[in-house]
N, C-alpha and C. Protein backbone atom coordinates (compact mmCIF):
# COMPACT_ATOMS: atom_id res chain seq x y z
N MET A 1 -22.77 -30.81 -9.24
CA MET A 1 -22.87 -29.45 -8.95
C MET A 1 -21.92 -28.84 -8.11
N ILE A 2 -21.46 -28.04 -7.79
CA ILE A 2 -20.41 -27.42 -6.43
C ILE A 2 -21.40 -26.53 -6.35
N ASN A 3 -22.04 -26.50 -4.65
CA ASN A 3 -22.53 -25.59 -4.06
C ASN A 3 -21.26 -24.10 -3.88
N PRO A 4 -21.19 -22.72 -4.48
CA PRO A 4 -20.82 -22.08 -4.09
C PRO A 4 -20.76 -21.48 -2.47
N TYR A 5 -21.94 -21.73 -2.48
CA TYR A 5 -21.88 -21.19 -0.99
C TYR A 5 -20.85 -21.75 0.05
N GLU A 6 -20.33 -23.11 -0.39
CA GLU A 6 -18.95 -23.66 0.30
C GLU A 6 -17.99 -22.81 -0.14
N GLU A 7 -16.63 -23.37 1.29
CA GLU A 7 -15.82 -22.78 0.79
C GLU A 7 -14.92 -23.25 -0.51
N GLY A 8 -14.32 -22.31 -1.61
CA GLY A 8 -13.83 -23.22 -2.54
C GLY A 8 -13.14 -22.39 -3.25
N ALA A 9 -13.15 -22.22 -4.89
CA ALA A 9 -12.40 -21.44 -5.90
C ALA A 9 -14.34 -20.43 -5.47
N THR A 10 -15.03 -20.83 -5.87
CA THR A 10 -16.00 -19.17 -6.45
C THR A 10 -16.07 -18.33 -5.35
N PRO A 11 -16.96 -18.28 -3.99
CA PRO A 11 -16.16 -17.24 -3.02
C PRO A 11 -14.49 -16.34 -2.59
N SER A 12 -13.59 -17.53 -2.65
CA SER A 12 -12.81 -16.70 -2.69
C SER A 12 -12.35 -15.73 -4.42
N PHE A 13 -12.53 -16.43 -5.62
CA PHE A 13 -12.48 -15.25 -6.81
C PHE A 13 -13.99 -14.80 -6.75
N PHE A 14 -14.82 -13.98 -6.03
CA PHE A 14 -15.88 -13.55 -5.48
C PHE A 14 -14.86 -12.65 -5.10
N MET A 15 -14.67 -12.86 -4.42
CA MET A 15 -14.52 -11.49 -2.65
C MET A 15 -12.96 -11.15 -3.68
N GLN A 16 -11.99 -11.70 -5.04
CA GLN A 16 -11.11 -11.03 -5.63
C GLN A 16 -11.36 -10.42 -6.01
N ASN A 17 -12.47 -10.15 -7.03
CA ASN A 17 -13.23 -9.42 -8.33
C ASN A 17 -13.26 -8.55 -7.19
N LEU A 18 -14.20 -8.89 -5.89
CA LEU A 18 -14.68 -7.38 -5.32
C LEU A 18 -13.47 -6.42 -5.24
N LYS A 19 -12.28 -7.11 -4.43
CA LYS A 19 -11.22 -6.01 -3.88
C LYS A 19 -11.22 -5.45 -4.83
N PHE A 20 -10.62 -5.99 -6.96
CA PHE A 20 -10.33 -5.60 -7.64
C PHE A 20 -11.27 -3.90 -8.04
N LYS A 21 -12.47 -4.16 -7.71
CA LYS A 21 -13.28 -3.77 -8.52
C LYS A 21 -13.36 -2.71 -7.52
N LYS A 22 -13.28 -2.54 -6.26
CA LYS A 22 -12.89 -1.27 -5.13
C LYS A 22 -11.66 -0.70 -5.41
N LEU A 23 -10.45 -1.22 -5.79
CA LEU A 23 -9.47 -1.16 -6.10
C LEU A 23 -9.14 0.26 -7.29
N ARG A 24 -9.79 -0.53 -8.11
CA ARG A 24 -9.99 0.00 -9.62
C ARG A 24 -11.04 1.97 -8.65
N ARG A 25 -11.63 1.49 -8.12
CA ARG A 25 -13.06 2.54 -8.06
C ARG A 25 -12.14 3.68 -7.52
N ILE A 26 -10.91 3.29 -6.36
CA ILE A 26 -10.10 3.81 -5.35
C ILE A 26 -9.31 4.29 -6.51
N LYS A 27 -8.45 3.94 -7.05
CA LYS A 27 -7.36 3.59 -7.91
C LYS A 27 -8.13 5.54 -8.93
N LEU A 28 -9.31 5.29 -9.38
CA LEU A 28 -9.94 6.14 -10.01
C LEU A 28 -10.56 7.20 -9.27
N LEU A 29 -11.08 7.53 -8.13
CA LEU A 29 -10.88 8.64 -7.79
C LEU A 29 -9.90 9.15 -7.00
N ILE A 30 -8.76 8.74 -6.72
CA ILE A 30 -7.41 8.97 -6.56
C ILE A 30 -6.83 9.86 -7.78
N ALA A 31 -7.38 9.70 -9.08
CA ALA A 31 -6.22 9.92 -10.16
C ALA A 31 -7.44 10.70 -10.20
N LYS A 32 -9.08 11.19 -9.91
CA LYS A 32 -9.87 12.03 -10.14
C LYS A 32 -9.51 13.31 -9.70
N ASN A 33 -9.21 12.96 -8.17
CA ASN A 33 -8.72 14.31 -7.74
C ASN A 33 -7.65 15.27 -7.40
N ILE A 34 -6.47 14.27 -7.89
CA ILE A 34 -5.05 14.62 -8.70
C ILE A 34 -5.24 16.05 -9.46
N PHE A 35 -6.15 15.19 -10.46
CA PHE A 35 -6.43 15.80 -11.57
C PHE A 35 -7.01 17.10 -11.12
N LEU A 36 -8.14 17.42 -10.82
CA LEU A 36 -8.64 18.04 -10.10
C LEU A 36 -8.16 19.10 -9.17
N LEU A 37 -6.91 18.74 -8.64
CA LEU A 37 -6.30 19.60 -7.35
C LEU A 37 -5.17 20.49 -8.84
N HIS A 38 -4.52 19.84 -9.86
CA HIS A 38 -3.74 20.04 -10.68
C HIS A 38 -4.25 21.32 -11.35
N GLY A 39 -5.62 21.04 -11.57
CA GLY A 39 -6.41 21.67 -12.62
C GLY A 39 -6.60 23.38 -12.21
N LYS A 40 -7.02 23.15 -10.93
CA LYS A 40 -7.33 23.67 -9.79
C LYS A 40 -5.76 25.28 -9.94
N LYS A 41 -5.09 24.58 -9.34
CA LYS A 41 -3.70 25.44 -9.65
C LYS A 41 -3.11 25.40 -10.79
N PHE A 42 -3.12 25.30 -11.87
CA PHE A 42 -2.89 26.08 -13.13
C PHE A 42 -4.26 27.08 -13.20
N PHE A 43 -5.25 26.60 -13.42
CA PHE A 43 -5.84 28.11 -13.66
C PHE A 43 -5.39 29.21 -12.42
N ILE A 44 -5.19 28.52 -11.65
CA ILE A 44 -4.91 30.01 -10.39
C ILE A 44 -3.57 30.73 -11.15
N ASN A 45 -2.69 29.81 -11.43
CA ASN A 45 -1.47 30.51 -11.95
C ASN A 45 -2.22 31.32 -13.18
N LYS A 46 -2.78 29.92 -13.75
CA LYS A 46 -3.41 31.10 -15.83
C LYS A 46 -3.89 32.56 -15.34
N ALA A 47 -4.33 32.10 -14.24
CA ALA A 47 -5.64 33.64 -14.09
C ALA A 47 -4.18 34.77 -13.52
N LYS A 48 -3.46 34.06 -12.70
CA LYS A 48 -2.19 35.39 -11.73
C LYS A 48 -2.01 36.24 -13.39
N ILE A 49 -1.89 35.60 -14.12
CA ILE A 49 -0.81 35.84 -15.12
C ILE A 49 -1.32 37.29 -16.50
């Protein structure tokens, strides 16, 4: 049985997984913000017409 807290495959894999999840969350937030910004512009343009 390998101790997962020792320097080895498990901690680095775990950290990579965390990084990946954080990146995905950030990408989703950015996409959401862009979508909201474009949506607002679209509605403002529609309101002007």
